[in-house]
Each structure stands twice: as C-alpha cells, then as structure tokens.
Amino acid sequence: MNGNEIIEKINTVLADEFEIDAATITPDAPLMETLDMDSLDLVDVVVLVEQSFGITLRGEDFVGITTFREFYGLIEGKMNG
C-alpha cells in the first residue's frame, strides 16, 4: 500500500466513524479538532487503525501528533517499520 492509498483509507475510515465530510480532512488540519475527538475517541481511532492496517499503536505513538499529515506519517512508518 503506497502513501496515497494509506491517506485515502485513513480518511474514509475516519470520515465514516466520526460522521464528517471526508473533504474536511486535509493534511494540515488539526486532527483532534477536525474530528471533535476527546481521549475516549482516541481509543476508537487506535482500534480502527489497528483493524484497518494490521498494525499496533500505543498511546506514546501519538505524542506530538497534531495534524493529519503527522498521523499519516505515523501509520505509514508503522506499516513500513
């Protein structure tokens, strides 16, 4: 899966889960605010990503992740890691 495919899949999964328009998800948009997430929602995101991409995420993986671009990089790094 290449970078664009990862981004497209992440956007689709998150837009469906958080019932938002996928067009509002842009690389430089703030992750938490765009999805109107709280800490409990973050657990849902971890589960969705793990199920969708077959990777394991931990809380410390999210330290410093504020934008979708950074989130995409995290997922891609885990997949290629």
C-alpha atoms as a PDB file:
ATOM      1  CA  MET A   1       0.000   0.000   0.000  1.00  0.00           C
ATOM      2  CA  ASN A   2       1.514   3.321  -1.020  1.00  0.00           C
ATOM      3  CA  GLY A   3       1.261   6.663   0.775  1.00  0.00           C
ATOM      4  CA  ASN A   4      -1.737   7.906  -1.207  1.00  0.00           C
ATOM      5  CA  GLU A   5      -3.640   4.662  -0.619  1.00  0.00           C
ATOM      6  CA  ILE A   6      -2.926   4.896   3.110  1.00  0.00           C
ATOM      7  CA  ILE A   7      -4.171   8.502   3.220  1.00  0.00           C
ATOM      8  CA  GLU A   8      -7.322   7.651   1.273  1.00  0.00           C
ATOM      9  CA  LYS A   9      -8.107   4.677   3.513  1.00  0.00           C
ATOM     10  CA  ILE A  10      -7.475   6.648   6.722  1.00  0.00           C
ATOM     11  CA  ASN A  11      -9.693   9.500   5.535  1.00  0.00           C
ATOM     12  CA  THR A  12     -12.502   7.130   4.564  1.00  0.00           C
ATOM     13  CA  VAL A  13     -12.379   5.191   7.845  1.00  0.00           C
ATOM     14  CA  LEU A  14     -12.273   8.357   9.978  1.00  0.00           C
ATOM     15  CA  ALA A  15     -14.989  10.172   7.999  1.00  0.00           C
ATOM     16  CA  ASP A  16     -17.292   7.159   8.379  1.00  0.00           C
ATOM     17  CA  GLU A  17     -16.562   6.684  12.078  1.00  0.00           C
ATOM     18  CA  PHE A  18     -16.884  10.355  13.038  1.00  0.00           C
ATOM     19  CA  GLU A  19     -19.680  11.073  10.531  1.00  0.00           C
ATOM     20  CA  ILE A  20     -17.961  14.012   8.880  1.00  0.00           C
ATOM     21  CA  ASP A  21     -17.359  15.013   5.277  1.00  0.00           C
ATOM     22  CA  ALA A  22     -14.061  13.498   4.134  1.00  0.00           C
ATOM     23  CA  ALA A  23     -13.312  16.809   2.384  1.00  0.00           C
ATOM     24  CA  THR A  24     -12.784  18.426   5.808  1.00  0.00           C
ATOM     25  CA  ILE A  25      -9.836  16.093   6.382  1.00  0.00           C
ATOM     26  CA  THR A  26      -6.802  17.818   4.910  1.00  0.00           C
ATOM     27  CA  PRO A  27      -3.119  17.144   5.630  1.00  0.00           C
ATOM     28  CA  ASP A  28      -2.579  20.276   7.710  1.00  0.00           C
ATOM     29  CA  ALA A  29      -5.937  20.219   9.522  1.00  0.00           C
ATOM     30  CA  PRO A  30      -5.746  19.676  13.295  1.00  0.00           C
ATOM     31  CA  LEU A  31      -6.568  16.039  13.997  1.00  0.00           C
ATOM     32  CA  MET A  32      -8.379  16.327  17.334  1.00  0.00           C
ATOM     33  CA  GLU A  33     -10.392  19.445  16.457  1.00  0.00           C
ATOM     34  CA  THR A  34     -11.418  18.306  12.960  1.00  0.00           C
ATOM     35  CA  LEU A  35     -12.789  15.038  14.325  1.00  0.00           C
ATOM     36  CA  ASP A  36     -14.085  16.699  17.520  1.00  0.00           C
ATOM     37  CA  MET A  37     -12.256  13.991  19.484  1.00  0.00           C
ATOM     38  CA  ASP A  38     -11.703  13.524  23.171  1.00  0.00           C
ATOM     39  CA  SER A  39      -9.388  10.999  24.805  1.00  0.00           C
ATOM     40  CA  LEU A  40     -12.000   8.227  24.610  1.00  0.00           C
ATOM     41  CA  ASP A  41     -12.398   8.807  20.875  1.00  0.00           C
ATOM     42  CA  LEU A  42      -8.654   8.357  20.530  1.00  0.00           C
ATOM     43  CA  VAL A  43      -9.070   4.775  21.757  1.00  0.00           C
ATOM     44  CA  ASP A  44     -11.615   4.222  18.965  1.00  0.00           C
ATOM     45  CA  VAL A  45      -9.144   5.628  16.415  1.00  0.00           C
ATOM     46  CA  VAL A  46      -6.431   3.263  17.652  1.00  0.00           C
ATOM     47  CA  VAL A  47      -8.760   0.262  17.307  1.00  0.00           C
ATOM     48  CA  LEU A  48      -9.941   1.350  13.839  1.00  0.00           C
ATOM     49  CA  VAL A  49      -6.400   1.855  12.584  1.00  0.00           C
ATOM     50  CA  GLU A  50      -5.185  -1.418  14.046  1.00  0.00           C
ATOM     51  CA  GLN A  51      -8.070  -3.300  12.409  1.00  0.00           C
ATOM     52  CA  SER A  52      -7.770  -1.471   9.089  1.00  0.00           C
ATOM     53  CA  PHE A  53      -3.997  -1.655   8.706  1.00  0.00           C
ATOM     54  CA  GLY A  54      -2.913  -4.619  10.841  1.00  0.00           C
ATOM     55  CA  ILE A  55      -0.523  -2.555  12.961  1.00  0.00           C
ATOM     56  CA  THR A  56      -0.214  -1.932  16.688  1.00  0.00           C
ATOM     57  CA  LEU A  57      -0.350   1.576  18.149  1.00  0.00           C
ATOM     58  CA  ARG A  58       0.349   2.720  21.683  1.00  0.00           C
ATOM     59  CA  GLY A  59      -0.510   5.946  23.450  1.00  0.00           C
ATOM     60  CA  GLU A  60       3.040   7.217  23.274  1.00  0.00           C
ATOM     61  CA  ASP A  61       2.923   6.917  19.466  1.00  0.00           C
ATOM     62  CA  PHE A  62       0.558   9.887  19.477  1.00  0.00           C
ATOM     63  CA  VAL A  63       2.852  12.248  21.381  1.00  0.00           C
ATOM     64  CA  GLY A  64       3.412  15.245  19.143  1.00  0.00           C
ATOM     65  CA  ILE A  65       0.800  14.174  16.574  1.00  0.00           C
ATOM     66  CA  THR A  66      -1.363  17.236  15.932  1.00  0.00           C
ATOM     67  CA  THR A  67      -2.179  17.195  12.206  1.00  0.00           C
ATOM     68  CA  PHE A  68      -3.436  14.603   9.771  1.00  0.00           C
ATOM     69  CA  ARG A  69      -0.087  14.811   7.908  1.00  0.00           C
ATOM     70  CA  GLU A  70       1.701  13.702  11.100  1.00  0.00           C
ATOM     71  CA  PHE A  71      -0.921  10.992  11.663  1.00  0.00           C
ATOM     72  CA  TYR A  72      -0.449   9.691   8.100  1.00  0.00           C
ATOM     73  CA  GLY A  73       3.304   9.606   8.710  1.00  0.00           C
ATOM     74  CA  LEU A  74       2.811   7.629  11.914  1.00  0.00           C
ATOM     75  CA  ILE A  75       0.689   4.999  10.165  1.00  0.00           C
ATOM     76  CA  GLU A  76       2.975   4.761   7.148  1.00  0.00           C
ATOM     77  CA  GLY A  77       6.012   4.455   9.420  1.00  0.00           C
ATOM     78  CA  LYS A  78       4.395   1.642  11.402  1.00  0.00           C
ATOM     79  CA  MET A  79       3.441  -0.187   8.217  1.00  0.00           C
ATOM     80  CA  ASN A  80       6.930   0.104   6.758  1.00  0.00           C
ATOM     81  CA  GLY A  81       8.697  -0.262  10.093  1.00  0.00           C
END
